[in-house]
Amino acid sequence: MNNNEIKALISLLDDPDAEVVNEVTDNLTKKGPNIIPELEKAWDTTYNEVLQERLENVIHNIQLYFTGENLKRWIRAGAENILEGAFYIAQCQFPDISINGINDEIDKIHKDVWLEINNNLTAFEKVKILNYFMFDIYNYSINTIKTYSPQNYYINQVIKTKKGSPVTLSIIYLAVSRKLDLPISGLYCSKNLVLSYKDEHAINDDGNKFNDILFYINPNDNCAIIDKHEINSLISDQLIENEVANKITCSNIDILIRLTQNLIHAYKMSGSNDTAVKFMELLKILEQGLK
């Protein structure tokens, strides 16, 4: 479809017939993100508030529809690349971003760490090197000043500012560690998201899948290493009768659900309820992906 056809459809958004407006909105939505610049140009060049509102609605629908379709495809493919899933969440709000820049950042951290580690190092030493590069060289940190800012949950913004939430930093950390073939995965410890380093040589005879964990990694403290005894300090505010029962391994979908829940909360805290509702739709898709 050329620009003249798009402009013709946009002009119909001002039609007084609601059925015409709905049909045109659906038609434009299906054209995809490539027409968003033309929609934004139309918004900038009109003083018609009704038309502006309808243009905003089309842009909103395009971003939400195609993000949802991308997430569904990601889930059907196995949801293996956590960075890709986080990218789609960010793309819903920042449609012009490219995953190439995000991958480039991960590749740079990976290369720097890869040059320093070898098979003679212990798991503890490997993680210490990864932490050194991520938090001391690349200067990532938790945003303790603007704790409830939605920007803390967008992977592109966190890579740009080097500040984010523990869950977003965990996603970057997991993306790098998986390129390094380090056996690190997510783990829920009560309400907290922590990471665990698996002992690949452990012999697990008792069926307790947590016995093969060497140590834990705390995203709330620049991924500091904590041992099995210290893990309870993360949940000291709750009565834990059975430690194993309160640890649940996290899939990539689980982690993105946590990311999206936090993003929704951040928008509600800032009074942006309409944007929060948009991400509730994506949350439903992610939750359905667990079933």
Protein backbone atom coordinates (compact mmCIF):
# COMPACT_ATOMS: atom_id res chain seq x y z
CA MET A 1 0.00 0.00 0.00
CA ASN A 2 1.43 3.40 -0.99
CA ASN A 3 1.28 6.60 1.01
CA ASN A 4 -1.66 7.98 -0.99
CA GLU A 5 -3.77 4.96 -0.07
CA ILE A 6 -2.79 5.29 3.58
CA LYS A 7 -3.66 9.00 3.51
CA ALA A 8 -7.03 8.17 1.98
CA LEU A 9 -7.77 5.72 4.81
CA ILE A 10 -6.60 8.23 7.41
CA SER A 11 -9.00 10.82 6.02
CA LEU A 12 -11.86 8.35 6.60
CA LEU A 13 -11.05 8.25 10.31
CA ASP A 14 -12.85 11.58 10.51
CA ASP A 15 -16.07 10.03 9.18
CA PRO A 16 -19.13 10.56 11.41
CA ASP A 17 -20.23 6.93 10.87
CA ALA A 18 -18.82 4.78 13.70
CA GLU A 19 -18.96 1.64 11.53
CA VAL A 20 -16.76 3.30 8.91
CA VAL A 21 -14.30 4.42 11.56
CA ASN A 22 -14.12 0.92 13.06
CA GLU A 23 -13.59 -0.69 9.65
CA VAL A 24 -10.87 1.81 8.72
CA THR A 25 -9.20 1.35 12.12
CA ASP A 26 -9.10 -2.43 11.62
CA ASN A 27 -7.78 -1.99 8.08
CA LEU A 28 -4.99 0.35 9.16
CA THR A 29 -4.11 -1.84 12.14
CA LYS A 30 -3.47 -4.81 9.88
CA LYS A 31 -0.98 -2.78 7.82
CA GLY A 32 1.50 -3.05 10.63
CA PRO A 33 4.17 -0.89 12.28
CA ASN A 34 5.56 0.39 8.97
CA ILE A 35 2.69 2.86 8.63
CA ILE A 36 3.15 4.38 12.10
CA PRO A 37 5.37 7.24 10.81
CA GLU A 38 2.60 8.25 8.38
CA LEU A 39 0.03 8.11 11.19
CA GLU A 40 2.25 10.24 13.42
CA LYS A 41 2.75 12.74 10.57
CA ALA A 42 -1.02 13.00 10.15
CA TRP A 43 -1.39 13.58 13.90
CA ASP A 44 1.18 16.40 13.80
CA THR A 45 -0.49 18.17 10.90
CA THR A 46 -4.07 18.25 12.15
CA TYR A 47 -5.77 20.33 14.81
CA ASN A 48 -8.81 18.05 14.82
CA GLU A 49 -8.80 16.55 18.31
CA VAL A 50 -11.21 13.76 17.35
CA LEU A 51 -8.96 12.73 14.46
CA GLN A 52 -5.90 12.91 16.70
CA GLU A 53 -7.58 10.63 19.25
CA ARG A 54 -8.52 8.13 16.54
CA LEU A 55 -4.99 8.19 15.12
CA GLU A 56 -3.62 7.51 18.59
CA ASN A 57 -6.04 4.60 18.87
CA VAL A 58 -4.80 3.10 15.59
CA ILE A 59 -1.15 3.44 16.66
CA HIS A 60 -2.01 1.85 20.00
CA ASN A 61 -3.81 -1.02 18.26
CA ILE A 62 -0.92 -1.64 15.86
CA GLN A 63 1.67 -1.74 18.64
CA LEU A 64 -0.45 -4.01 20.82
CA TYR A 65 -1.58 -6.36 18.05
CA PHE A 66 1.85 -6.96 16.55
CA THR A 67 3.56 -7.23 19.93
CA GLY A 68 0.99 -9.83 20.92
CA GLU A 69 1.53 -11.75 17.68
CA ASN A 70 5.31 -11.65 18.18
CA LEU A 71 4.98 -12.92 21.75
CA LYS A 72 2.68 -15.74 20.66
CA ARG A 73 5.16 -16.76 17.97
CA TRP A 74 8.02 -16.56 20.50
CA ILE A 75 6.09 -18.80 22.91
CA ARG A 76 5.17 -21.31 20.18
CA ALA A 77 8.85 -21.51 19.19
CA GLY A 78 9.77 -22.51 22.74
CA ALA A 79 10.48 -19.11 24.32
CA GLU A 80 14.18 -19.98 24.36
CA ASN A 81 15.69 -16.52 23.83
CA ILE A 82 14.75 -14.42 26.84
CA LEU A 83 16.26 -11.30 25.27
CA GLU A 84 13.91 -11.61 22.30
CA GLY A 85 10.88 -11.78 24.58
CA ALA A 86 12.01 -8.71 26.53
CA PHE A 87 12.61 -6.91 23.23
CA TYR A 88 9.00 -7.46 22.15
CA ILE A 89 7.71 -6.01 25.42
CA ALA A 90 9.85 -2.90 24.87
CA GLN A 91 8.89 -2.67 21.19
CA CYS A 92 5.25 -2.26 22.16
CA GLN A 93 6.16 1.14 23.64
CA PHE A 94 9.14 1.91 21.38
CA PRO A 95 8.13 0.61 17.92
CA ASP A 96 11.21 2.01 16.17
CA ILE A 97 13.80 0.14 18.22
CA SER A 98 15.94 -2.58 16.67
CA ILE A 99 17.02 -5.78 18.36
CA ASN A 100 20.42 -5.43 16.68
CA GLY A 101 21.57 -2.74 19.10
CA ILE A 102 20.46 -4.85 22.05
CA ASN A 103 22.22 -7.93 20.72
CA ASP A 104 25.36 -5.87 20.08
CA GLU A 105 25.52 -4.90 23.76
CA ILE A 106 25.13 -8.51 24.88
CA ASP A 107 27.78 -9.59 22.38
CA LYS A 108 30.25 -7.01 23.71
CA ILE A 109 29.84 -8.10 27.31
CA HIS A 110 30.02 -11.75 26.27
CA LYS A 111 33.24 -11.22 24.31
CA ASP A 112 34.95 -9.37 27.17
CA VAL A 113 33.99 -12.04 29.70
CA TRP A 114 34.79 -14.93 27.33
CA LEU A 115 38.35 -13.65 26.90
CA GLU A 116 38.89 -13.86 30.67
CA ILE A 117 37.35 -17.20 31.60
CA ASN A 118 38.50 -20.75 30.93
CA ASN A 119 37.65 -24.27 32.01
CA ASN A 120 40.27 -24.21 34.75
CA LEU A 121 38.29 -21.64 36.72
CA THR A 122 35.72 -22.60 39.31
CA ALA A 123 32.06 -21.68 38.88
CA PHE A 124 32.48 -19.06 41.59
CA GLU A 125 35.43 -17.50 39.74
CA LYS A 126 33.55 -17.42 36.44
CA VAL A 127 30.61 -15.61 38.00
CA LYS A 128 32.92 -13.14 39.73
CA ILE A 129 34.42 -12.26 36.33
CA LEU A 130 30.97 -11.87 34.76
CA ASN A 131 29.92 -9.62 37.65
CA TYR A 132 33.08 -7.54 37.32
CA PHE A 133 32.45 -6.75 33.67
CA MET A 134 28.72 -6.20 33.94
CA PHE A 135 28.70 -4.04 37.06
CA ASP A 136 32.19 -2.50 37.21
CA ILE A 137 33.18 -2.15 33.57
CA TYR A 138 29.80 -1.70 31.89
CA ASN A 139 28.41 0.04 34.99
CA TYR A 140 24.99 -1.59 35.19
CA SER A 141 23.16 -0.95 38.45
CA ILE A 142 19.71 -0.96 40.03
CA ASN A 143 17.92 2.36 39.68
CA THR A 144 17.49 3.27 43.33
CA ILE A 145 16.48 6.88 42.64
CA LYS A 146 13.60 6.37 40.19
CA THR A 147 12.50 3.03 41.56
CA TYR A 148 9.02 3.07 40.03
CA SER A 149 9.94 4.50 36.64
CA PRO A 150 8.55 2.38 33.76
CA GLN A 151 11.88 2.92 31.98
CA ASN A 152 13.44 0.44 34.43
CA TYR A 153 11.57 -2.39 32.69
CA TYR A 154 12.35 -1.70 29.04
CA ILE A 155 15.40 -3.60 27.88
CA ASN A 156 16.41 -0.91 25.36
CA GLN A 157 16.22 1.85 27.97
CA VAL A 158 18.18 -0.14 30.55
CA ILE A 159 20.94 -0.82 28.02
CA LYS A 160 20.99 2.88 27.15
CA THR A 161 21.08 4.23 30.72
CA LYS A 162 22.77 1.24 32.44
CA LYS A 163 20.12 1.49 35.16
CA GLY A 164 17.11 -0.73 35.65
CA SER A 165 15.13 -3.05 37.87
CA PRO A 166 16.48 -6.32 39.28
CA VAL A 167 14.34 -8.33 36.85
CA THR A 168 15.61 -6.41 33.80
CA LEU A 169 19.20 -6.75 34.94
CA SER A 170 18.53 -10.46 35.44
CA ILE A 171 17.41 -10.75 31.82
CA ILE A 172 20.63 -9.15 30.58
CA TYR A 173 22.64 -11.31 32.99
CA LEU A 174 20.93 -14.49 31.80
CA ALA A 175 21.39 -13.53 28.14
CA VAL A 176 25.14 -13.11 28.62
CA SER A 177 25.54 -16.22 30.79
CA ARG A 178 23.75 -18.38 28.24
CA LYS A 179 26.09 -17.21 25.48
CA LEU A 180 28.91 -18.23 27.81
CA ASP A 181 27.27 -21.64 28.40
CA LEU A 182 27.13 -21.00 32.14
CA PRO A 183 24.39 -23.11 33.84
CA ILE A 184 22.57 -20.15 35.37
CA SER A 185 18.79 -20.03 35.57
CA GLY A 186 16.00 -18.15 37.27
CA LEU A 187 14.46 -19.26 40.52
CA TYR A 188 11.59 -17.91 42.61
CA CYS A 189 12.39 -17.87 46.29
CA SER A 190 9.04 -16.93 47.76
CA LYS A 191 8.32 -13.48 46.26
CA ASN A 192 11.89 -12.83 45.16
CA LEU A 193 13.50 -13.60 41.83
CA VAL A 194 16.98 -15.00 42.32
CA LEU A 195 19.36 -16.81 39.99
CA SER A 196 20.99 -20.14 40.61
CA TYR A 197 24.19 -21.77 39.39
CA LYS A 198 23.75 -25.47 38.78
CA ASP A 199 26.41 -28.06 39.56
CA GLU A 200 26.46 -29.95 36.26
CA HIS A 201 28.50 -32.78 37.80
CA ALA A 202 26.19 -33.38 40.76
CA ILE A 203 24.61 -36.78 41.19
CA ASN A 204 21.04 -36.26 42.31
CA ASP A 205 19.64 -39.48 43.74
CA ASP A 206 16.97 -38.18 46.08
CA GLY A 207 14.83 -36.36 43.50
CA ASN A 208 15.43 -32.98 45.11
CA LYS A 209 16.33 -30.84 42.13
CA PHE A 210 17.68 -28.09 44.38
CA ASN A 211 20.51 -30.22 45.74
CA ASP A 212 22.45 -29.72 42.52
CA ILE A 213 22.63 -25.95 43.00
CA LEU A 214 26.13 -24.75 43.88
CA PHE A 215 25.13 -21.25 44.93
CA TYR A 216 22.62 -18.49 44.37
CA ILE A 217 22.97 -15.08 42.72
CA ASN A 218 21.05 -12.09 44.03
CA PRO A 219 19.84 -9.62 41.33
CA ASN A 220 18.81 -7.20 44.08
CA ASP A 221 22.46 -6.78 45.06
CA ASN A 222 24.37 -6.48 41.76
CA CYS A 223 24.20 -10.27 41.39
CA ALA A 224 26.21 -10.92 44.53
CA ILE A 225 26.86 -14.60 45.20
CA ILE A 226 25.02 -16.10 48.16
CA ASP A 227 25.19 -19.66 49.44
CA LYS A 228 22.38 -22.02 50.40
CA HIS A 229 22.41 -20.92 54.04
CA GLU A 230 22.17 -17.23 53.21
CA ILE A 231 19.22 -17.65 50.84
CA ASN A 232 16.76 -17.49 53.75
CA SER A 233 17.76 -13.88 54.44
CA LEU A 234 15.90 -12.96 51.25
CA ILE A 235 12.63 -14.27 52.69
CA SER A 236 13.11 -13.53 56.37
CA ASP A 237 9.82 -11.64 56.46
CA GLN A 238 7.86 -14.81 55.84
CA LEU A 239 7.44 -18.06 57.73
CA ILE A 240 9.08 -20.82 55.70
CA GLU A 241 8.28 -24.32 56.88
CA ASN A 242 9.67 -26.15 53.89
CA GLU A 243 12.46 -24.32 52.06
CA VAL A 244 12.27 -26.53 48.96
CA ALA A 245 8.53 -26.05 48.60
CA ASN A 246 9.03 -22.29 48.41
CA LYS A 247 11.57 -22.43 45.59
CA ILE A 248 10.19 -22.73 42.09
CA THR A 249 12.30 -22.75 38.98
CA CYS A 250 11.50 -19.97 36.51
CA SER A 251 11.01 -20.35 32.79
CA ASN A 252 11.70 -17.45 30.45
CA ILE A 253 7.96 -16.88 30.25
CA ASP A 254 7.76 -16.69 34.07
CA ILE A 255 10.45 -14.02 34.12
CA LEU A 256 8.70 -11.98 31.41
CA ILE A 257 5.47 -12.26 33.39
CA ARG A 258 7.28 -10.77 36.38
CA LEU A 259 8.72 -8.04 34.13
CA THR A 260 5.29 -7.18 32.71
CA GLN A 261 3.61 -7.21 36.13
CA ASN A 262 6.20 -4.78 37.43
CA LEU A 263 5.77 -2.57 34.36
CA ILE A 264 2.00 -2.46 34.86
CA HIS A 265 2.52 -1.52 38.52
CA ALA A 266 4.96 1.23 37.52
CA TYR A 267 2.45 2.76 35.12
CA LYS A 268 -0.32 2.59 37.70
CA MET A 269 1.96 4.29 40.23
CA SER A 270 2.58 7.10 37.71
CA GLY A 271 -1.13 7.47 36.95
CA SER A 272 -0.83 6.15 33.37
CA ASN A 273 -3.69 3.69 33.66
CA ASP A 274 -4.35 3.53 29.90
CA THR A 275 -0.81 2.34 29.27
CA ALA A 276 -1.12 -0.13 32.14
CA VAL A 277 -4.21 -1.61 30.48
CA LYS A 278 -2.25 -2.08 27.24
CA PHE A 279 0.35 -4.18 29.01
CA MET A 280 -2.36 -6.16 30.81
CA GLU A 281 -3.27 -7.54 27.39
CA LEU A 282 0.30 -8.72 26.88
CA LEU A 283 0.32 -10.20 30.37
CA LYS A 284 -2.69 -12.34 29.44
CA ILE A 285 -0.81 -13.69 26.42
CA LEU A 286 2.21 -14.58 28.55
CA GLU A 287 0.11 -16.23 31.23
CA GLN A 288 -1.73 -18.23 28.57
CA GLY A 289 1.68 -19.37 27.33
CA LEU A 290 2.23 -21.25 30.59
CA LYS A 291 -0.87 -23.38 30.14
